[in-house]
Amino acid sequence: DIRPAATMIVCQLNKPEMKIEIEVTALKRTA
C-alpha cells in the first residue's frame, strides 16, 4: 500500500519547494 508519508518523501526529493506546502497541509490536518 502507498502511504502519504512515502508520497511526501518523493515530493520533497523532486520539488524541495513543495516540502513546506505539504508540511503546512499536514499540520492543518492534525490541528
Foldseek 3Di string as FASTA:
>chain_A
DDDVVVVLVVCCVVPVVCNVVVVVVVVVVVD
